[in-house]
């Protein structure tokens, strides 16, 4: 079991929902340790053990454990040997467990160049191919290139950062992307169809139509 998650659900959901006081909270955790954490569904515990664990009187221990049973956090049966107890986890009770929500990310504010942090989503957007020459690339072999150079006030947004091969990153330098793509075409490194495809991709990039998928991050 994921006890870190379960304890969070106890603190965030079970305790507030049933309005457990300090005694009830201590009793619940003690019984949880004796049962579910110890991989036992039921356990029989003498009243004296409960009062020792909570450092209270037998009267107080009896009152607290009965209140937990009344609220439905535990199942309780009185036996000659003591209290026979089953502890319920938050997901086993009729209470709503809040679902974790991811904070919405403003993609326009993300720096896609710094520390290559978003190299995976950029490669996915580029289909693991150099944005310019379409050569296969990987996280180990690719470079990040500014479509508009930083010297010309190019930023680090998704509209201006592309994944490329080392050769294109080195040879493009300060050329405009259109001129560089046509240079690749003249050198037979791009076909006419590929050139048109790259020019269309460039326009889509500038129009914000090629957003990397950062939802899984």
N, C-alpha and C. Protein backbone atom coordinates (compact mmCIF):
# COMPACT_ATOMS: atom_id res chain seq x y z
N UNK A 1 0.83 -1.20 0.00
CA UNK A 1 0.00 0.00 0.00
C UNK A 1 0.87 1.26 0.00
N UNK A 2 0.34 2.28 -0.59
CA UNK A 2 1.03 3.57 -0.59
C UNK A 2 0.65 4.33 0.68
N UNK A 3 1.40 4.09 1.75
CA UNK A 3 1.03 4.66 3.04
C UNK A 3 1.20 6.17 3.09
N UNK A 4 2.12 6.69 2.32
CA UNK A 4 2.26 8.14 2.28
C UNK A 4 0.98 8.78 1.74
N UNK A 5 0.42 8.17 0.70
CA UNK A 5 -0.84 8.67 0.13
C UNK A 5 -1.99 8.48 1.11
N UNK A 6 -2.03 7.30 1.77
CA UNK A 6 -3.12 7.02 2.69
C UNK A 6 -3.12 7.98 3.87
N UNK A 7 -1.94 8.23 4.44
CA UNK A 7 -1.85 9.16 5.58
C UNK A 7 -2.29 10.55 5.16
N UNK A 8 -1.95 10.95 3.95
CA UNK A 8 -2.39 12.26 3.45
C UNK A 8 -3.92 12.30 3.35
N UNK A 9 -4.53 11.20 2.89
CA UNK A 9 -5.98 11.14 2.79
C UNK A 9 -6.63 11.17 4.18
N UNK A 10 -5.97 10.52 5.15
CA UNK A 10 -6.48 10.56 6.53
C UNK A 10 -6.48 12.00 7.04
N UNK A 11 -5.34 12.69 6.84
CA UNK A 11 -5.20 14.06 7.35
C UNK A 11 -6.11 15.05 6.60
N UNK A 12 -6.18 14.89 5.27
CA UNK A 12 -6.89 15.89 4.47
C UNK A 12 -8.39 15.62 4.36
N UNK A 13 -8.79 14.35 4.57
CA UNK A 13 -10.19 14.00 4.31
C UNK A 13 -10.89 13.38 5.52
N UNK A 14 -10.35 12.26 6.02
CA UNK A 14 -11.04 11.53 7.09
C UNK A 14 -11.17 12.36 8.36
N UNK A 15 -10.07 12.91 8.84
CA UNK A 15 -10.10 13.67 10.10
C UNK A 15 -11.03 14.88 10.01
N UNK A 16 -10.94 15.70 8.95
CA UNK A 16 -11.88 16.83 8.86
C UNK A 16 -13.34 16.38 8.69
N UNK A 17 -13.54 15.32 7.89
CA UNK A 17 -14.92 14.88 7.60
C UNK A 17 -15.63 14.43 8.87
N UNK A 18 -14.94 13.64 9.70
CA UNK A 18 -15.56 13.12 10.92
C UNK A 18 -15.29 14.00 12.14
N UNK A 19 -14.59 15.11 11.91
CA UNK A 19 -14.30 16.07 12.98
C UNK A 19 -13.69 15.37 14.20
N UNK A 20 -12.65 14.58 13.93
CA UNK A 20 -11.99 13.84 15.01
C UNK A 20 -11.24 14.80 15.92
N UNK A 21 -11.45 14.63 17.23
CA UNK A 21 -10.68 15.45 18.17
C UNK A 21 -9.31 14.81 18.39
N UNK A 22 -8.51 15.39 19.25
CA UNK A 22 -7.13 14.93 19.43
C UNK A 22 -7.09 13.51 19.97
N UNK A 23 -8.05 13.15 20.85
CA UNK A 23 -8.09 11.79 21.39
C UNK A 23 -8.48 10.79 20.30
N UNK A 24 -9.49 11.12 19.54
CA UNK A 24 -9.97 10.23 18.48
C UNK A 24 -8.91 10.06 17.39
N UNK A 25 -8.23 11.14 17.10
CA UNK A 25 -7.16 11.06 16.10
C UNK A 25 -6.04 10.14 16.57
N UNK A 26 -5.62 10.29 17.83
CA UNK A 26 -4.58 9.42 18.38
C UNK A 26 -5.01 7.97 18.40
N UNK A 27 -6.27 7.72 18.78
CA UNK A 27 -6.79 6.35 18.82
C UNK A 27 -6.83 5.75 17.42
N UNK A 28 -7.28 6.54 16.44
CA UNK A 28 -7.37 6.03 15.07
C UNK A 28 -5.98 5.60 14.58
N UNK A 29 -4.97 6.45 14.78
CA UNK A 29 -3.62 6.12 14.31
C UNK A 29 -3.05 4.92 15.06
N UNK A 30 -3.34 4.80 16.35
CA UNK A 30 -2.86 3.64 17.11
C UNK A 30 -3.46 2.35 16.57
N UNK A 31 -4.79 2.38 16.35
CA UNK A 31 -5.46 1.20 15.83
C UNK A 31 -5.04 0.90 14.39
N UNK A 32 -4.80 1.94 13.60
CA UNK A 32 -4.32 1.76 12.23
C UNK A 32 -2.99 1.03 12.22
N UNK A 33 -2.11 1.40 13.13
CA UNK A 33 -0.79 0.74 13.23
C UNK A 33 -0.93 -0.72 13.65
N UNK A 34 -1.85 -0.98 14.57
CA UNK A 34 -2.02 -2.34 15.06
C UNK A 34 -2.70 -3.25 14.04
N UNK A 35 -3.40 -2.66 13.10
CA UNK A 35 -4.15 -3.47 12.13
C UNK A 35 -3.58 -3.36 10.72
N UNK A 36 -4.00 -2.38 9.97
CA UNK A 36 -3.69 -2.32 8.54
C UNK A 36 -2.20 -2.16 8.26
N UNK A 37 -1.53 -1.33 9.03
CA UNK A 37 -0.09 -1.14 8.80
C UNK A 37 0.67 -2.43 9.12
N UNK A 38 0.16 -3.19 10.08
CA UNK A 38 0.76 -4.48 10.45
C UNK A 38 0.21 -5.62 9.63
N UNK A 39 -0.54 -5.27 8.56
CA UNK A 39 -1.11 -6.24 7.61
C UNK A 39 -2.06 -7.21 8.30
N UNK A 40 -2.86 -6.68 9.24
CA UNK A 40 -3.90 -7.46 9.89
C UNK A 40 -5.23 -6.73 9.70
N UNK A 41 -6.26 -7.48 9.32
CA UNK A 41 -7.56 -6.84 9.10
C UNK A 41 -8.26 -6.56 10.43
N UNK A 42 -8.15 -7.52 11.35
CA UNK A 42 -8.76 -7.37 12.66
C UNK A 42 -7.69 -7.54 13.74
N UNK A 43 -7.94 -6.96 14.89
CA UNK A 43 -7.07 -7.18 16.04
C UNK A 43 -7.91 -7.04 17.30
N UNK A 44 -7.62 -7.86 18.31
CA UNK A 44 -8.31 -7.77 19.59
C UNK A 44 -7.37 -7.13 20.60
N UNK A 45 -7.78 -6.02 21.16
CA UNK A 45 -6.92 -5.23 22.04
C UNK A 45 -7.62 -5.04 23.38
N UNK A 46 -6.96 -5.38 24.50
CA UNK A 46 -7.55 -5.14 25.82
C UNK A 46 -7.70 -3.64 26.07
N UNK A 47 -8.66 -3.30 26.89
CA UNK A 47 -8.89 -1.89 27.22
C UNK A 47 -7.66 -1.28 27.86
N UNK A 48 -6.95 -2.07 28.67
CA UNK A 48 -5.75 -1.55 29.35
C UNK A 48 -4.68 -1.14 28.35
N UNK A 49 -4.56 -1.88 27.24
CA UNK A 49 -3.57 -1.54 26.21
C UNK A 49 -3.93 -0.22 25.54
N UNK A 50 -5.23 0.00 25.36
CA UNK A 50 -5.67 1.25 24.75
C UNK A 50 -5.37 2.45 25.65
N UNK A 51 -5.66 2.30 26.92
CA UNK A 51 -5.42 3.41 27.85
C UNK A 51 -3.93 3.70 28.01
N UNK A 52 -3.11 2.64 27.98
CA UNK A 52 -1.65 2.85 28.05
C UNK A 52 -1.16 3.57 26.81
N UNK A 53 -1.65 3.16 25.64
CA UNK A 53 -1.22 3.76 24.38
C UNK A 53 -1.57 5.23 24.32
N UNK A 54 -2.76 5.60 24.80
CA UNK A 54 -3.19 7.00 24.76
C UNK A 54 -2.81 7.77 26.03
N UNK A 55 -2.26 7.03 27.02
CA UNK A 55 -1.89 7.65 28.31
C UNK A 55 -3.08 8.35 28.95
N UNK A 56 -4.15 7.58 29.03
CA UNK A 56 -5.38 8.12 29.62
C UNK A 56 -6.01 7.04 30.48
N UNK A 57 -7.11 7.35 31.10
CA UNK A 57 -7.83 6.39 31.94
C UNK A 57 -8.56 5.38 31.08
N UNK A 58 -8.93 4.25 31.68
CA UNK A 58 -9.72 3.26 30.96
C UNK A 58 -11.05 3.86 30.50
N UNK A 59 -11.62 4.69 31.33
CA UNK A 59 -12.89 5.34 31.00
C UNK A 59 -12.75 6.17 29.71
N UNK A 60 -11.65 6.97 29.65
CA UNK A 60 -11.44 7.82 28.47
C UNK A 60 -11.18 6.97 27.23
N UNK A 61 -10.38 5.91 27.38
CA UNK A 61 -10.07 5.05 26.24
C UNK A 61 -11.33 4.38 25.71
N UNK A 62 -12.17 3.90 26.62
CA UNK A 62 -13.43 3.28 26.20
C UNK A 62 -14.33 4.29 25.49
N UNK A 63 -14.40 5.47 26.02
CA UNK A 63 -15.22 6.52 25.42
C UNK A 63 -14.74 6.86 24.00
N UNK A 64 -13.43 6.98 23.83
CA UNK A 64 -12.87 7.38 22.53
C UNK A 64 -13.09 6.30 21.48
N UNK A 65 -12.82 5.04 21.83
CA UNK A 65 -12.95 3.98 20.83
C UNK A 65 -14.41 3.77 20.44
N UNK A 66 -15.32 3.95 21.38
CA UNK A 66 -16.74 3.84 21.05
C UNK A 66 -17.19 4.99 20.16
N UNK A 67 -16.62 6.16 20.37
CA UNK A 67 -16.97 7.30 19.54
C UNK A 67 -16.48 7.10 18.10
N UNK A 68 -15.28 6.52 17.95
CA UNK A 68 -14.78 6.21 16.60
C UNK A 68 -15.70 5.23 15.90
N UNK A 69 -16.17 4.23 16.67
CA UNK A 69 -17.09 3.24 16.08
C UNK A 69 -18.41 3.90 15.71
N UNK A 70 -18.90 4.79 16.56
CA UNK A 70 -20.15 5.49 16.29
C UNK A 70 -20.05 6.33 15.02
N UNK A 71 -18.90 6.96 14.82
CA UNK A 71 -18.70 7.80 13.63
C UNK A 71 -18.47 6.95 12.38
N UNK A 72 -18.12 5.68 12.56
CA UNK A 72 -17.96 4.80 11.41
C UNK A 72 -16.53 4.62 10.93
N UNK A 73 -15.57 5.16 11.66
CA UNK A 73 -14.17 5.04 11.25
C UNK A 73 -13.62 3.64 11.49
N UNK A 74 -14.22 2.94 12.45
CA UNK A 74 -13.80 1.58 12.79
C UNK A 74 -15.02 0.71 12.99
N UNK A 75 -14.82 -0.60 12.93
CA UNK A 75 -15.85 -1.57 13.30
C UNK A 75 -15.43 -2.17 14.62
N UNK A 76 -16.32 -2.17 15.58
CA UNK A 76 -15.96 -2.55 16.96
C UNK A 76 -16.89 -3.64 17.47
N UNK A 77 -16.28 -4.66 18.10
CA UNK A 77 -17.04 -5.73 18.74
C UNK A 77 -16.40 -6.03 20.09
N UNK A 78 -17.20 -6.02 21.14
CA UNK A 78 -16.70 -6.31 22.48
C UNK A 78 -16.62 -7.83 22.68
N UNK A 79 -15.47 -8.32 23.13
CA UNK A 79 -15.28 -9.75 23.42
C UNK A 79 -14.71 -9.89 24.83
N UNK A 80 -14.60 -11.15 25.28
CA UNK A 80 -14.04 -11.39 26.61
C UNK A 80 -12.57 -10.98 26.68
N UNK A 81 -11.89 -11.03 25.56
CA UNK A 81 -10.45 -10.71 25.54
C UNK A 81 -10.19 -9.23 25.32
N UNK A 82 -11.21 -8.48 24.97
CA UNK A 82 -11.03 -7.06 24.72
C UNK A 82 -11.84 -6.59 23.54
N UNK A 83 -11.43 -5.49 22.97
CA UNK A 83 -12.13 -4.90 21.83
C UNK A 83 -11.59 -5.50 20.53
N UNK A 84 -12.49 -6.13 19.78
CA UNK A 84 -12.12 -6.64 18.46
C UNK A 84 -12.37 -5.52 17.44
N UNK A 85 -11.30 -5.08 16.76
CA UNK A 85 -11.37 -3.86 15.97
C UNK A 85 -10.94 -4.09 14.52
N UNK A 86 -11.69 -3.47 13.62
CA UNK A 86 -11.28 -3.35 12.22
C UNK A 86 -11.27 -1.87 11.88
N UNK A 87 -10.17 -1.41 11.29
CA UNK A 87 -10.03 0.01 10.95
C UNK A 87 -10.29 0.20 9.46
N UNK A 88 -11.08 1.20 9.14
CA UNK A 88 -11.38 1.51 7.75
C UNK A 88 -10.44 2.61 7.24
N UNK A 89 -9.98 2.43 6.00
CA UNK A 89 -9.17 3.46 5.33
C UNK A 89 -10.11 4.49 4.70
N UNK A 90 -9.61 5.69 4.41
CA UNK A 90 -10.47 6.73 3.83
C UNK A 90 -11.21 6.29 2.57
N UNK A 91 -10.53 5.51 1.71
CA UNK A 91 -11.17 5.09 0.46
C UNK A 91 -12.24 4.03 0.67
N UNK A 92 -12.31 3.44 1.88
CA UNK A 92 -13.31 2.43 2.18
C UNK A 92 -14.55 3.03 2.85
N UNK A 93 -14.51 4.32 3.05
CA UNK A 93 -15.61 5.02 3.71
C UNK A 93 -16.37 5.87 2.70
N UNK A 94 -17.57 6.22 3.04
CA UNK A 94 -18.43 7.00 2.14
C UNK A 94 -18.13 8.49 2.29
N UNK A 95 -16.90 8.81 1.94
CA UNK A 95 -16.48 10.21 1.96
C UNK A 95 -15.76 10.51 0.66
N UNK A 96 -15.77 11.74 0.27
CA UNK A 96 -15.17 12.15 -1.00
C UNK A 96 -13.68 12.43 -0.81
N UNK A 97 -12.85 11.70 -1.56
CA UNK A 97 -11.41 11.93 -1.55
C UNK A 97 -11.08 12.93 -2.65
N UNK A 98 -10.62 14.12 -2.30
CA UNK A 98 -10.32 15.12 -3.33
C UNK A 98 -9.24 14.63 -4.27
N UNK A 99 -9.47 14.83 -5.56
CA UNK A 99 -8.49 14.44 -6.57
C UNK A 99 -7.45 15.53 -6.75
N UNK A 100 -6.19 15.08 -6.85
CA UNK A 100 -5.12 16.05 -7.05
C UNK A 100 -5.29 16.73 -8.41
N UNK A 101 -5.14 18.02 -8.43
CA UNK A 101 -5.24 18.76 -9.68
C UNK A 101 -3.91 19.42 -10.00
N UNK A 102 -3.56 19.36 -11.25
CA UNK A 102 -2.31 19.99 -11.66
C UNK A 102 -2.52 21.47 -11.89
N UNK A 103 -1.56 22.21 -11.45
CA UNK A 103 -1.63 23.65 -11.68
C UNK A 103 -1.50 23.92 -13.18
N UNK A 104 -2.38 24.76 -13.67
CA UNK A 104 -2.36 25.06 -15.10
C UNK A 104 -1.11 25.87 -15.44
N UNK A 105 -0.43 25.42 -16.48
CA UNK A 105 0.83 26.04 -16.88
C UNK A 105 0.58 27.01 -18.04
N UNK A 106 1.13 28.20 -17.93
CA UNK A 106 1.05 29.17 -19.02
C UNK A 106 2.22 28.91 -19.95
N UNK A 107 1.94 28.24 -21.06
CA UNK A 107 3.01 27.83 -21.98
C UNK A 107 3.76 29.03 -22.55
N UNK A 108 3.10 30.18 -22.61
CA UNK A 108 3.74 31.37 -23.16
C UNK A 108 4.86 31.89 -22.24
N UNK A 109 4.84 31.47 -20.98
CA UNK A 109 5.84 31.95 -20.02
C UNK A 109 6.99 30.96 -19.82
N UNK A 110 6.94 29.81 -20.46
CA UNK A 110 7.97 28.78 -20.25
C UNK A 110 9.22 29.10 -21.05
N UNK A 111 10.37 28.94 -20.40
CA UNK A 111 11.67 29.07 -21.07
C UNK A 111 12.04 27.69 -21.61
N UNK A 112 11.94 27.50 -22.92
CA UNK A 112 12.20 26.20 -23.54
C UNK A 112 13.68 25.98 -23.86
N UNK A 113 14.51 26.96 -23.58
CA UNK A 113 15.94 26.83 -23.90
C UNK A 113 16.77 26.52 -22.66
N UNK A 114 16.41 27.07 -21.52
CA UNK A 114 17.22 26.97 -20.32
C UNK A 114 17.40 25.53 -19.86
N UNK A 115 18.66 25.13 -19.72
CA UNK A 115 19.05 23.83 -19.17
C UNK A 115 18.48 22.62 -19.93
N UNK A 116 17.99 22.86 -21.15
CA UNK A 116 17.42 21.75 -21.97
C UNK A 116 16.32 21.00 -21.21
N UNK A 117 15.64 21.69 -20.33
CA UNK A 117 14.65 21.05 -19.47
C UNK A 117 13.48 20.48 -20.26
N UNK A 118 13.16 21.11 -21.39
CA UNK A 118 11.99 20.69 -22.16
C UNK A 118 12.40 20.00 -23.46
N UNK A 119 13.58 19.41 -23.47
CA UNK A 119 14.09 18.78 -24.68
C UNK A 119 13.17 17.64 -25.13
N UNK A 120 12.57 16.92 -24.17
CA UNK A 120 11.73 15.78 -24.51
C UNK A 120 10.47 16.20 -25.26
N UNK A 121 9.81 17.27 -24.80
CA UNK A 121 8.57 17.68 -25.47
C UNK A 121 8.86 18.35 -26.81
N UNK A 122 10.01 18.99 -26.92
CA UNK A 122 10.38 19.59 -28.21
C UNK A 122 10.69 18.51 -29.24
N UNK A 123 11.40 17.48 -28.81
CA UNK A 123 11.68 16.37 -29.71
C UNK A 123 10.40 15.67 -30.15
N UNK A 124 9.47 15.53 -29.22
CA UNK A 124 8.19 14.90 -29.56
C UNK A 124 7.45 15.75 -30.59
N UNK A 125 7.48 17.08 -30.40
CA UNK A 125 6.83 17.97 -31.36
C UNK A 125 7.48 17.85 -32.73
N UNK A 126 8.80 17.70 -32.76
CA UNK A 126 9.54 17.61 -34.02
C UNK A 126 9.59 16.19 -34.57
N UNK A 127 8.91 15.25 -33.91
CA UNK A 127 8.91 13.84 -34.35
C UNK A 127 10.32 13.26 -34.42
N UNK A 128 11.15 13.68 -33.45
CA UNK A 128 12.52 13.17 -33.35
C UNK A 128 13.33 13.42 -34.62
N UNK A 129 13.05 14.54 -35.27
CA UNK A 129 13.78 14.90 -36.49
C UNK A 129 14.18 16.37 -36.42
N UNK A 130 15.32 16.69 -36.99
CA UNK A 130 15.79 18.07 -37.04
C UNK A 130 14.73 18.95 -37.70
N UNK A 131 14.42 20.06 -37.06
CA UNK A 131 13.38 20.95 -37.59
C UNK A 131 13.74 21.47 -38.97
N UNK A 132 15.04 21.56 -39.28
CA UNK A 132 15.47 22.12 -40.57
C UNK A 132 15.67 21.05 -41.64
N UNK A 133 16.54 20.08 -41.39
CA UNK A 133 16.91 19.13 -42.44
C UNK A 133 16.21 17.78 -42.33
N UNK A 134 15.45 17.56 -41.26
CA UNK A 134 14.68 16.35 -41.03
C UNK A 134 15.54 15.12 -40.72
N UNK A 135 16.79 15.34 -40.39
CA UNK A 135 17.65 14.23 -39.98
C UNK A 135 17.20 13.72 -38.61
N UNK A 136 17.27 12.39 -38.40
CA UNK A 136 16.90 11.81 -37.11
C UNK A 136 17.80 12.35 -36.01
N UNK A 137 17.19 12.70 -34.89
CA UNK A 137 17.96 13.21 -33.74
C UNK A 137 17.41 12.57 -32.47
N UNK A 138 18.18 12.68 -31.41
CA UNK A 138 17.81 12.12 -30.11
C UNK A 138 18.21 13.12 -29.03
N UNK A 139 17.81 12.89 -27.79
CA UNK A 139 18.21 13.82 -26.72
C UNK A 139 19.73 13.95 -26.61
N UNK A 140 20.45 12.90 -26.96
CA UNK A 140 21.91 12.93 -26.85
C UNK A 140 22.57 13.66 -28.02
N UNK A 141 21.92 13.68 -29.19
CA UNK A 141 22.57 14.24 -30.39
C UNK A 141 22.01 15.58 -30.81
N UNK A 142 20.88 15.98 -30.26
CA UNK A 142 20.23 17.20 -30.76
C UNK A 142 20.76 18.46 -30.09
N UNK A 143 20.48 19.58 -30.72
CA UNK A 143 20.79 20.90 -30.19
C UNK A 143 19.49 21.71 -30.17
N UNK A 144 19.49 22.75 -29.37
CA UNK A 144 18.36 23.67 -29.37
C UNK A 144 18.76 24.94 -30.11
N UNK A 145 17.93 25.36 -31.04
CA UNK A 145 18.28 26.50 -31.89
C UNK A 145 17.21 27.58 -31.80
N UNK A 146 17.67 28.83 -31.82
CA UNK A 146 16.76 29.97 -31.86
C UNK A 146 16.43 30.27 -33.32
N UNK A 147 15.16 30.18 -33.68
CA UNK A 147 14.75 30.51 -35.04
C UNK A 147 15.15 31.94 -35.36
N UNK A 148 14.78 32.85 -34.50
CA UNK A 148 15.29 34.22 -34.56
C UNK A 148 16.44 34.31 -33.56
N UNK A 149 17.65 34.61 -34.00
CA UNK A 149 18.80 34.62 -33.08
C UNK A 149 18.59 35.55 -31.89
N UNK A 150 19.23 35.21 -30.79
CA UNK A 150 19.14 36.04 -29.60
C UNK A 150 19.66 37.45 -29.86
N UNK A 151 20.65 37.56 -30.74
CA UNK A 151 21.20 38.89 -31.06
C UNK A 151 20.15 39.77 -31.75
N UNK A 152 19.17 39.12 -32.36
CA UNK A 152 18.09 39.87 -33.01
C UNK A 152 16.83 39.86 -32.14
N UNK A 153 17.05 39.72 -30.84
CA UNK A 153 15.97 39.76 -29.84
C UNK A 153 15.05 38.54 -29.90
N UNK A 154 15.58 37.42 -30.38
CA UNK A 154 14.79 36.19 -30.34
C UNK A 154 14.67 35.69 -28.90
N UNK A 155 13.47 35.26 -28.52
CA UNK A 155 13.25 34.82 -27.13
C UNK A 155 13.39 33.31 -27.01
N UNK A 156 13.06 32.79 -25.82
CA UNK A 156 13.19 31.35 -25.55
C UNK A 156 11.84 30.66 -25.50
N UNK A 157 10.83 31.26 -26.15
CA UNK A 157 9.50 30.66 -26.16
C UNK A 157 9.39 29.53 -27.16
N UNK A 158 8.29 28.79 -27.08
CA UNK A 158 8.11 27.62 -27.95
C UNK A 158 7.99 28.00 -29.42
N UNK A 159 7.67 29.26 -29.72
CA UNK A 159 7.58 29.71 -31.11
C UNK A 159 8.96 29.98 -31.72
N UNK A 160 9.98 29.99 -30.87
CA UNK A 160 11.31 30.38 -31.37
C UNK A 160 12.39 29.35 -31.08
N UNK A 161 12.10 28.32 -30.30
CA UNK A 161 13.09 27.29 -29.99
C UNK A 161 12.70 26.00 -30.68
N UNK A 162 13.64 25.45 -31.44
CA UNK A 162 13.40 24.19 -32.14
C UNK A 162 14.56 23.23 -31.86
N UNK A 163 14.28 21.95 -31.99
CA UNK A 163 15.31 20.92 -31.85
C UNK A 163 15.91 20.66 -33.22
N UNK A 164 17.24 20.66 -33.28
CA UNK A 164 17.93 20.49 -34.56
C UNK A 164 19.11 19.53 -34.41
N UNK A 165 19.67 19.14 -35.55
CA UNK A 165 20.91 18.37 -35.52
C UNK A 165 22.08 19.33 -35.27
N UNK A 166 23.22 18.77 -34.93
CA UNK A 166 24.39 19.60 -34.64
C UNK A 166 24.83 20.38 -35.88
N UNK A 167 24.75 19.74 -37.05
CA UNK A 167 25.21 20.40 -38.27
C UNK A 167 24.38 21.64 -38.56
N UNK A 168 23.06 21.52 -38.49
CA UNK A 168 22.22 22.68 -38.79
C UNK A 168 22.39 23.78 -37.75
N UNK A 169 22.56 23.39 -36.51
CA UNK A 169 22.75 24.37 -35.46
C UNK A 169 24.04 25.16 -35.69
N UNK A 170 25.04 24.49 -36.24
CA UNK A 170 26.33 25.14 -36.49
C UNK A 170 26.29 25.99 -37.75
N UNK A 171 25.65 25.48 -38.82
CA UNK A 171 25.71 26.15 -40.11
C UNK A 171 24.66 27.25 -40.31
N UNK A 172 23.57 27.17 -39.60
CA UNK A 172 22.55 28.20 -39.79
C UNK A 172 23.04 29.56 -39.29
N UNK A 173 23.61 29.58 -38.11
CA UNK A 173 24.15 30.80 -37.50
C UNK A 173 23.15 31.95 -37.59
N UNK A 174 23.52 33.06 -38.21
CA UNK A 174 22.65 34.23 -38.24
C UNK A 174 21.74 34.31 -39.44
N UNK A 175 21.70 33.29 -40.28
CA UNK A 175 20.85 33.32 -41.47
C UNK A 175 19.38 33.28 -41.06
N UNK A 176 18.53 33.83 -41.91
CA UNK A 176 17.10 33.65 -41.69
C UNK A 176 16.77 32.19 -41.98
N UNK A 177 15.73 31.68 -41.35
CA UNK A 177 15.38 30.27 -41.54
C UNK A 177 15.01 30.01 -42.99
N UNK A 178 14.28 30.94 -43.63
CA UNK A 178 13.90 30.75 -45.02
C UNK A 178 15.13 30.60 -45.91
N UNK A 179 16.13 31.46 -45.70
CA UNK A 179 17.35 31.38 -46.51
C UNK A 179 18.10 30.08 -46.24
N UNK A 180 18.12 29.68 -44.98
CA UNK A 180 18.86 28.45 -44.65
C UNK A 180 18.16 27.23 -45.24
N UNK A 181 16.84 27.19 -45.19
CA UNK A 181 16.11 26.06 -45.76
C UNK A 181 16.33 25.97 -47.28
N UNK A 182 16.34 27.12 -47.93
CA UNK A 182 16.59 27.10 -49.38
C UNK A 182 18.02 26.69 -49.69
N UNK A 183 18.95 27.02 -48.80
CA UNK A 183 20.34 26.57 -48.95
C UNK A 183 20.41 25.04 -48.85
N UNK A 184 19.67 24.47 -47.92
CA UNK A 184 19.63 23.01 -47.79
C UNK A 184 19.03 22.38 -49.05
N UNK A 185 18.04 23.04 -49.62
CA UNK A 185 17.42 22.54 -50.84
C UNK A 185 18.41 22.56 -52.00
N UNK A 186 19.16 23.66 -52.12
CA UNK A 186 20.15 23.77 -53.21
C UNK A 186 21.25 22.73 -53.08
N UNK A 187 21.52 22.31 -51.85
CA UNK A 187 22.56 21.30 -51.61
C UNK A 187 21.99 19.88 -51.65
N UNK A 188 20.73 19.77 -52.08
CA UNK A 188 20.05 18.48 -52.18
C UNK A 188 19.91 17.78 -50.82
N UNK A 189 19.88 18.57 -49.75
CA UNK A 189 19.66 18.01 -48.42
C UNK A 189 18.18 18.03 -48.07
N UNK A 190 17.40 18.73 -48.88
CA UNK A 190 15.95 18.71 -48.79
C UNK A 190 15.38 18.58 -50.19
N UNK A 191 14.31 17.80 -50.33
CA UNK A 191 13.63 17.73 -51.62
C UNK A 191 12.70 18.94 -51.73
N UNK A 192 12.14 19.13 -52.91
CA UNK A 192 11.22 20.25 -53.09
C UNK A 192 10.01 20.12 -52.16
N UNK A 193 9.51 18.90 -52.05
CA UNK A 193 8.36 18.65 -51.15
C UNK A 193 8.74 18.94 -49.70
N UNK A 194 9.94 18.50 -49.30
CA UNK A 194 10.39 18.72 -47.93
C UNK A 194 10.61 20.21 -47.65
N UNK A 195 11.10 20.93 -48.65
CA UNK A 195 11.29 22.37 -48.49
C UNK A 195 9.94 23.05 -48.22
N UNK A 196 8.95 22.71 -49.02
CA UNK A 196 7.62 23.30 -48.82
C UNK A 196 7.05 22.92 -47.45
N UNK A 197 7.31 21.70 -47.05
CA UNK A 197 6.84 21.23 -45.75
C UNK A 197 7.50 22.02 -44.62
N UNK A 198 8.81 22.28 -44.75
CA UNK A 198 9.54 23.00 -43.70
C UNK A 198 9.11 24.47 -43.65
N UNK A 199 8.84 25.06 -44.80
CA UNK A 199 8.38 26.45 -44.82
C UNK A 199 6.99 26.56 -44.19
N UNK A 200 6.15 25.55 -44.42
CA UNK A 200 4.82 25.53 -43.81
C UNK A 200 4.93 25.35 -42.30
N UNK A 201 5.86 24.47 -41.88
CA UNK A 201 6.08 24.24 -40.45
C UNK A 201 6.58 25.52 -39.78
N UNK A 202 7.44 26.25 -40.46
CA UNK A 202 7.97 27.50 -39.92
C UNK A 202 6.84 28.51 -39.71
N UNK A 203 5.95 28.60 -40.67
CA UNK A 203 4.82 29.53 -40.54
C UNK A 203 3.92 29.11 -39.38
N UNK A 204 3.67 27.80 -39.26
CA UNK A 204 2.84 27.30 -38.17
C UNK A 204 3.51 27.57 -36.82
N UNK A 205 4.81 27.42 -36.78
CA UNK A 205 5.56 27.69 -35.55
C UNK A 205 5.39 29.15 -35.13
N UNK A 206 5.55 30.04 -36.05
CA UNK A 206 5.46 31.47 -35.75
C UNK A 206 4.04 31.87 -35.36
N UNK A 207 3.05 31.13 -35.88
CA UNK A 207 1.66 31.44 -35.56
C UNK A 207 1.21 30.78 -34.24
N UNK A 208 2.13 30.09 -33.58
CA UNK A 208 1.79 29.45 -32.32
C UNK A 208 1.00 28.16 -32.46
N UNK A 209 1.03 27.57 -33.65
CA UNK A 209 0.24 26.36 -33.90
C UNK A 209 0.99 25.08 -33.52
N UNK A 210 2.28 25.20 -33.23
CA UNK A 210 3.07 24.01 -32.90
C UNK A 210 3.46 24.04 -31.42
N UNK A 211 2.46 23.99 -30.59
CA UNK A 211 2.72 24.01 -29.15
C UNK A 211 3.19 22.64 -28.66
N UNK A 212 4.31 22.58 -27.95
CA UNK A 212 4.73 21.30 -27.36
C UNK A 212 3.73 20.89 -26.30
N UNK A 213 3.56 19.60 -26.11
CA UNK A 213 2.63 19.09 -25.11
C UNK A 213 3.33 19.03 -23.75
N UNK A 214 3.06 20.00 -22.89
CA UNK A 214 3.69 20.04 -21.56
C UNK A 214 2.73 19.56 -20.48
N UNK A 215 1.60 18.98 -20.87
CA UNK A 215 0.58 18.58 -19.89
C UNK A 215 1.05 17.47 -18.98
N UNK A 216 1.97 16.63 -19.44
CA UNK A 216 2.42 15.48 -18.64
C UNK A 216 3.56 15.85 -17.70
N UNK A 217 4.03 17.08 -17.73
CA UNK A 217 5.16 17.47 -16.91
C UNK A 217 4.69 18.07 -15.60
